[in-house]
Every structure is written in structure tokens, then in C-alpha cells.
PDB file of all heavy atoms in Angstrom:
ATOM      1  N   ALA A   1      48.478  56.664  62.220  1.00  0.00           N
ATOM      2  CA  ALA A   1      49.173  57.387  61.228  1.00  0.00           C
ATOM      3  C   ALA A   1      50.588  56.728  60.941  1.00  0.00           C
ATOM      4  O   ALA A   1      51.069  56.800  59.699  1.00  0.00           O
ATOM      5  CB  ALA A   1      49.236  58.847  61.684  1.00  0.00           C
ATOM      6  N   ALA A   2      51.230  56.348  61.928  1.00  0.00           N
ATOM      7  CA  ALA A   2      52.497  55.850  61.783  1.00  0.00           C
ATOM      8  C   ALA A   2      52.438  54.501  60.970  1.00  0.00           C
ATOM      9  O   ALA A   2      53.305  54.272  59.981  1.00  0.00           O
ATOM     10  CB  ALA A   2      53.199  55.471  63.197  1.00  0.00           C
ATOM     11  N   ARG A   3      51.449  53.729  61.156  1.00  0.00           N
ATOM     12  CA  ARG A   3      51.173  52.569  60.406  1.00  0.00           C
ATOM     13  C   ARG A   3      50.963  52.802  59.012  1.00  0.00           C
ATOM     14  O   ARG A   3      51.295  52.207  58.099  1.00  0.00           O
ATOM     15  CB  ARG A   3      50.064  51.578  60.953  1.00  0.00           C
ATOM     16  CG  ARG A   3      50.369  51.065  62.400  1.00  0.00           C
ATOM     17  CD  ARG A   3      49.283  49.974  62.725  1.00  0.00           C
ATOM     18  NE  ARG A   3      49.598  49.630  64.177  1.00  0.00           N
ATOM     19  CZ  ARG A   3      48.789  50.118  65.240  1.00  0.00           C
ATOM     20  NH1 ARG A   3      47.886  51.074  65.102  1.00  0.00           N
ATOM     21  NH2 ARG A   3      48.995  49.690  66.379  1.00  0.00           N
ATOM     22  N   GLY A   4      50.061  53.975  58.857  1.00  0.00           N
ATOM     23  CA  GLY A   4      49.890  54.410  57.471  1.00  0.00           C
ATOM     24  C   GLY A   4      51.103  54.854  56.732  1.00  0.00           C
ATOM     25  O   GLY A   4      51.173  54.658  55.568  1.00  0.00           O
ATOM     26  N   GLN A   5      52.085  55.552  57.403  1.00  0.00           N
ATOM     27  CA  GLN A   5      53.213  55.870  56.690  1.00  0.00           C
ATOM     28  C   GLN A   5      54.043  54.705  56.291  1.00  0.00           C
ATOM     29  O   GLN A   5      54.640  54.592  55.327  1.00  0.00           O
ATOM     30  CB  GLN A   5      54.049  56.706  57.711  1.00  0.00           C
ATOM     31  CG  GLN A   5      53.630  58.217  57.852  1.00  0.00           C
ATOM     32  CD  GLN A   5      54.379  59.038  58.752  1.00  0.00           C
ATOM     33  OE1 GLN A   5      54.598  58.612  59.994  1.00  0.00           O
ATOM     34  NE2 GLN A   5      55.032  60.092  58.341  1.00  0.00           N
ATOM     35  N   PHE A   6      54.077  53.630  57.214  1.00  0.00           N
ATOM     36  CA  PHE A   6      54.851  52.397  56.774  1.00  0.00           C
ATOM     37  C   PHE A   6      54.096  51.780  55.630  1.00  0.00           C
ATOM     38  O   PHE A   6      54.657  51.296  54.783  1.00  0.00           O
ATOM     39  CB  PHE A   6      54.787  51.446  58.005  1.00  0.00           C
ATOM     40  CG  PHE A   6      55.512  50.195  57.663  1.00  0.00           C
ATOM     41  CD1 PHE A   6      56.952  50.124  57.858  1.00  0.00           C
ATOM     42  CD2 PHE A   6      54.801  49.052  57.118  1.00  0.00           C
ATOM     43  CE1 PHE A   6      57.627  48.926  57.592  1.00  0.00           C
ATOM     44  CE2 PHE A   6      55.486  47.860  56.958  1.00  0.00           C
ATOM     45  CZ  PHE A   6      56.919  47.905  57.086  1.00  0.00           C
ATOM     46  N   ASP A   7      52.884  51.612  55.655  1.00  0.00           N
ATOM     47  CA  ASP A   7      52.029  51.119  54.625  1.00  0.00           C
ATOM     48  C   ASP A   7      52.258  51.794  53.268  1.00  0.00           C
ATOM     49  O   ASP A   7      52.065  51.366  52.170  1.00  0.00           O
ATOM     50  CB  ASP A   7      50.542  51.049  54.849  1.00  0.00           C
ATOM     51  CG  ASP A   7      50.192  49.973  55.966  1.00  0.00           C
ATOM     52  OD1 ASP A   7      51.069  49.080  56.284  1.00  0.00           O
ATOM     53  OD2 ASP A   7      49.132  50.087  56.595  1.00  0.00           O
ATOM     54  N   ALA A   8      52.483  52.999  53.278  1.00  0.00           N
ATOM     55  CA  ALA A   8      52.696  53.900  52.171  1.00  0.00           C
ATOM     56  C   ALA A   8      54.102  54.022  51.719  1.00  0.00           C
ATOM     57  O   ALA A   8      54.482  54.654  50.773  1.00  0.00           O
ATOM     58  CB  ALA A   8      52.119  55.466  52.375  1.00  0.00           C
ATOM     59  N   ALA A   9      54.923  53.201  52.434  1.00  0.00           N
ATOM     60  CA  ALA A   9      56.379  53.227  52.158  1.00  0.00           C
ATOM     61  C   ALA A   9      57.113  54.522  52.377  1.00  0.00           C
ATOM     62  O   ALA A   9      58.110  54.960  51.678  1.00  0.00           O
ATOM     63  CB  ALA A   9      56.695  52.675  50.871  1.00  0.00           C
ATOM     64  N   ALA A  10      56.494  55.461  53.152  1.00  0.00           N
ATOM     65  CA  ALA A  10      57.026  56.699  53.492  1.00  0.00           C
ATOM     66  C   ALA A  10      58.027  56.604  54.674  1.00  0.00           C
ATOM     67  O   ALA A  10      57.806  57.047  55.759  1.00  0.00           O
ATOM     68  CB  ALA A  10      55.872  57.701  53.753  1.00  0.00           C
ATOM     69  N   HIS A  11      59.141  56.001  54.362  1.00  0.00           N
ATOM     70  CA  HIS A  11      60.088  55.646  55.410  1.00  0.00           C
ATOM     71  C   HIS A  11      60.620  56.929  56.073  1.00  0.00           C
ATOM     72  O   HIS A  11      60.901  56.723  57.364  1.00  0.00           O
ATOM     73  CB  HIS A  11      61.205  54.791  54.839  1.00  0.00           C
ATOM     74  CG  HIS A  11      60.596  53.531  54.089  1.00  0.00           C
ATOM     75  ND1 HIS A  11      61.243  52.850  52.996  1.00  0.00           N
ATOM     76  CD2 HIS A  11      59.423  52.820  54.404  1.00  0.00           C
ATOM     77  CE1 HIS A  11      60.415  51.898  52.695  1.00  0.00           C
ATOM     78  NE2 HIS A  11      59.465  51.750  53.545  1.00  0.00           N
ATOM     79  N   ALA A  12      61.071  57.884  55.292  1.00  0.00           N
ATOM     80  CA  ALA A  12      61.849  59.043  56.041  1.00  0.00           C
ATOM     81  C   ALA A  12      60.851  59.691  56.890  1.00  0.00           C
ATOM     82  O   ALA A  12      61.149  60.155  57.994  1.00  0.00           O
ATOM     83  CB  ALA A  12      62.434  59.883  54.859  1.00  0.00           C
ATOM     84  N   GLY A  13      59.616  59.894  56.392  1.00  0.00           N
ATOM     85  CA  GLY A  13      58.599  60.540  57.279  1.00  0.00           C
ATOM     86  C   GLY A  13      58.344  59.832  58.550  1.00  0.00           C
ATOM     87  O   GLY A  13      58.223  60.432  59.561  1.00  0.00           O
ATOM     88  N   LEU A  14      58.161  58.549  58.478  1.00  0.00           N
ATOM     89  CA  LEU A  14      58.045  57.615  59.579  1.00  0.00           C
ATOM     90  C   LEU A  14      59.118  57.843  60.552  1.00  0.00           C
ATOM     91  O   LEU A  14      59.027  58.006  61.792  1.00  0.00           O
ATOM     92  CB  LEU A  14      57.678  56.246  59.240  1.00  0.00           C
ATOM     93  CG  LEU A  14      57.556  55.284  60.366  1.00  0.00           C
ATOM     94  CD1 LEU A  14      56.376  55.669  61.259  1.00  0.00           C
ATOM     95  CD2 LEU A  14      57.272  53.907  59.843  1.00  0.00           C
ATOM     96  N   LEU A  15      60.387  57.777  59.937  1.00  0.00           N
ATOM     97  CA  LEU A  15      61.555  57.838  60.891  1.00  0.00           C
ATOM     98  C   LEU A  15      61.498  59.265  61.586  1.00  0.00           C
ATOM     99  O   LEU A  15      61.989  59.272  62.755  1.00  0.00           O
ATOM    100  CB  LEU A  15      62.771  57.733  59.855  1.00  0.00           C
ATOM    101  CG  LEU A  15      64.130  57.447  60.646  1.00  0.00           C
ATOM    102  CD1 LEU A  15      64.041  56.109  61.546  1.00  0.00           C
ATOM    103  CD2 LEU A  15      65.237  57.242  59.596  1.00  0.00           C
ATOM    104  N   ARG A  16      61.177  60.200  60.949  1.00  0.00           N
ATOM    105  CA  ARG A  16      60.985  61.573  61.460  1.00  0.00           C
ATOM    106  C   ARG A  16      60.106  61.564  62.716  1.00  0.00           C
ATOM    107  O   ARG A  16      60.330  62.204  63.717  1.00  0.00           O
ATOM    108  CB  ARG A  16      60.767  62.649  60.364  1.00  0.00           C
ATOM    109  CG  ARG A  16      60.855  64.077  60.957  1.00  0.00           C
ATOM    110  CD  ARG A  16      60.555  65.009  59.769  1.00  0.00           C
ATOM    111  NE  ARG A  16      61.567  64.918  58.809  1.00  0.00           N
ATOM    112  CZ  ARG A  16      61.513  64.484  57.572  1.00  0.00           C
ATOM    113  NH1 ARG A  16      60.427  63.841  57.287  1.00  0.00           N
ATOM    114  NH2 ARG A  16      62.479  64.385  56.676  1.00  0.00           N
ATOM    115  N   SER A  17      58.978  61.044  62.624  1.00  0.00           N
ATOM    116  CA  SER A  17      57.974  61.070  63.611  1.00  0.00           C
ATOM    117  C   SER A  17      58.180  60.097  64.821  1.00  0.00           C
ATOM    118  O   SER A  17      57.562  60.265  65.856  1.00  0.00           O
ATOM    119  CB  SER A  17      56.574  60.682  62.984  1.00  0.00           C
ATOM    120  OG  SER A  17      56.425  59.369  62.621  1.00  0.00           O
ATOM    121  N   LEU A  18      59.087  59.122  64.584  1.00  0.00           N
ATOM    122  CA  LEU A  18      59.138  58.125  65.771  1.00  0.00           C
ATOM    123  C   LEU A  18      59.626  58.644  67.004  1.00  0.00           C
ATOM    124  O   LEU A  18      59.110  58.159  68.117  1.00  0.00           O
ATOM    125  CB  LEU A  18      60.017  56.983  65.302  1.00  0.00           C
ATOM    126  CG  LEU A  18      59.242  55.970  64.234  1.00  0.00           C
ATOM    127  CD1 LEU A  18      60.238  54.951  63.672  1.00  0.00           C
ATOM    128  CD2 LEU A  18      58.071  55.285  64.838  1.00  0.00           C
ATOM    129  N   PRO A  19      60.617  59.486  67.165  1.00  0.00           N
ATOM    130  CA  PRO A  19      61.128  59.875  68.520  1.00  0.00           C
ATOM    131  C   PRO A  19      60.033  60.520  69.417  1.00  0.00           C
ATOM    132  O   PRO A  19      59.839  60.035  70.567  1.00  0.00           O
ATOM    133  CB  PRO A  19      62.262  60.893  68.178  1.00  0.00           C
ATOM    134  CG  PRO A  19      62.763  60.288  66.921  1.00  0.00           C
ATOM    135  CD  PRO A  19      61.545  59.940  66.146  1.00  0.00           C
ATOM    136  N   SER A  20      59.283  61.393  68.876  1.00  0.00           N
ATOM    137  CA  SER A  20      58.137  61.895  69.580  1.00  0.00           C
ATOM    138  C   SER A  20      57.084  60.925  69.962  1.00  0.00           C
ATOM    139  O   SER A  20      56.475  60.908  71.018  1.00  0.00           O
ATOM    140  CB  SER A  20      57.660  63.234  69.116  1.00  0.00           C
ATOM    141  OG  SER A  20      56.913  62.749  67.784  1.00  0.00           O
ATOM    142  N   LEU A  21      56.840  60.027  68.985  1.00  0.00           N
ATOM    143  CA  LEU A  21      55.794  59.013  69.288  1.00  0.00           C
ATOM    144  C   LEU A  21      56.230  58.065  70.482  1.00  0.00           C
ATOM    145  O   LEU A  21      55.428  57.732  71.371  1.00  0.00           O
ATOM    146  CB  LEU A  21      55.531  58.127  68.042  1.00  0.00           C
ATOM    147  CG  LEU A  21      54.504  57.070  68.062  1.00  0.00           C
ATOM    148  CD1 LEU A  21      53.126  57.516  68.404  1.00  0.00           C
ATOM    149  CD2 LEU A  21      54.623  56.255  66.735  1.00  0.00           C
ATOM    150  N   LEU A  22      57.408  57.745  70.486  1.00  0.00           N
ATOM    151  CA  LEU A  22      57.960  56.871  71.508  1.00  0.00           C
ATOM    152  C   LEU A  22      57.926  57.563  72.867  1.00  0.00           C
ATOM    153  O   LEU A  22      57.544  57.006  73.848  1.00  0.00           O
ATOM    154  CB  LEU A  22      59.412  56.340  71.220  1.00  0.00           C
ATOM    155  CG  LEU A  22      59.485  55.406  69.960  1.00  0.00           C
ATOM    156  CD1 LEU A  22      61.008  55.206  69.595  1.00  0.00           C
ATOM    157  CD2 LEU A  22      58.824  54.007  70.502  1.00  0.00           C
ATOM    158  N   ALA A  23      58.291  58.934  72.810  1.00  0.00           N
ATOM    159  CA  ALA A  23      58.391  59.566  73.955  1.00  0.00           C
ATOM    160  C   ALA A  23      56.957  59.805  74.578  1.00  0.00           C
ATOM    161  O   ALA A  23      56.762  59.565  75.863  1.00  0.00           O
ATOM    162  CB  ALA A  23      58.958  61.131  73.827  1.00  0.00           C
ATOM    163  N   ASP A  24      55.991  59.989  73.819  1.00  0.00           N
ATOM    164  CA  ASP A  24      54.600  60.245  74.277  1.00  0.00           C
ATOM    165  C   ASP A  24      53.924  58.977  74.693  1.00  0.00           C
ATOM    166  O   ASP A  24      53.230  58.883  75.666  1.00  0.00           O
ATOM    167  CB  ASP A  24      53.739  60.898  73.142  1.00  0.00           C
ATOM    168  CG  ASP A  24      54.179  62.345  72.918  1.00  0.00           C
ATOM    169  OD1 ASP A  24      55.029  62.886  73.687  1.00  0.00           O
ATOM    170  OD2 ASP A  24      53.788  62.920  71.978  1.00  0.00           O
ATOM    171  N   ALA A  25      54.312  57.827  74.100  1.00  0.00           N
ATOM    172  CA  ALA A  25      53.782  56.582  74.424  1.00  0.00           C
ATOM    173  C   ALA A  25      54.393  56.181  75.884  1.00  0.00           C
ATOM    174  O   ALA A  25      53.617  55.468  76.542  1.00  0.00           O
ATOM    175  CB  ALA A  25      54.107  55.415  73.410  1.00  0.00           C
ATOM    176  N   HIS A  26      55.656  56.486  75.996  1.00  0.00           N
ATOM    177  CA  HIS A  26      56.245  56.269  77.376  1.00  0.00           C
ATOM    178  C   HIS A  26      55.554  57.007  78.327  1.00  0.00           C
ATOM    179  O   HIS A  26      55.282  56.467  79.595  1.00  0.00           O
ATOM    180  CB  HIS A  26      57.817  56.628  77.355  1.00  0.00           C
ATOM    181  CG  HIS A  26      58.666  55.529  77.097  1.00  0.00           C
ATOM    182  ND1 HIS A  26      58.933  54.464  77.816  1.00  0.00           N
ATOM    183  CD2 HIS A  26      59.325  55.169  75.888  1.00  0.00           C
ATOM    184  CE1 HIS A  26      59.736  53.478  77.340  1.00  0.00           C
ATOM    185  NE2 HIS A  26      59.968  53.939  76.033  1.00  0.00           N
ATOM    186  N   GLN A  27      55.295  58.290  78.078  1.00  0.00           N
ATOM    187  CA  GLN A  27      54.669  59.081  79.032  1.00  0.00           C
ATOM    188  C   GLN A  27      53.169  58.598  79.447  1.00  0.00           C
ATOM    189  O   GLN A  27      52.809  58.479  80.584  1.00  0.00           O
ATOM    190  CB  GLN A  27      54.390  60.568  78.593  1.00  0.00           C
ATOM    191  CG  GLN A  27      53.724  61.491  79.502  1.00  0.00           C
ATOM    192  CD  GLN A  27      53.415  62.824  78.967  1.00  0.00           C
ATOM    193  OE1 GLN A  27      53.094  62.945  77.622  1.00  0.00           O
ATOM    194  NE2 GLN A  27      53.651  63.895  79.696  1.00  0.00           N
ATOM    195  N   GLY A  28      52.475  58.167  78.337  1.00  0.00           N
ATOM    196  CA  GLY A  28      51.199  57.632  78.591  1.00  0.00           C
ATOM    197  C   GLY A  28      51.235  56.392  79.570  1.00  0.00           C
ATOM    198  O   GLY A  28      50.370  56.233  80.442  1.00  0.00           O
TER     199      GLY A  28
END
């Protein structure tokens, strides 16, 4: 979904989602 946001040039939406994505990837 994050790659999809980048591909759609949805920069603000992607920026909003990144902190939790990074946190959860670290946890995994």
C-alpha cells in the first residue's frame, strides 16, 4: 500500500503512514 501511495504521487498520505509502518516493521 505504501508503494502504491508513492506510485500515485500521494506524498502527504504516504508521509502520514510511515511512522507506524516503520514502528511495526521494527517490531516484526
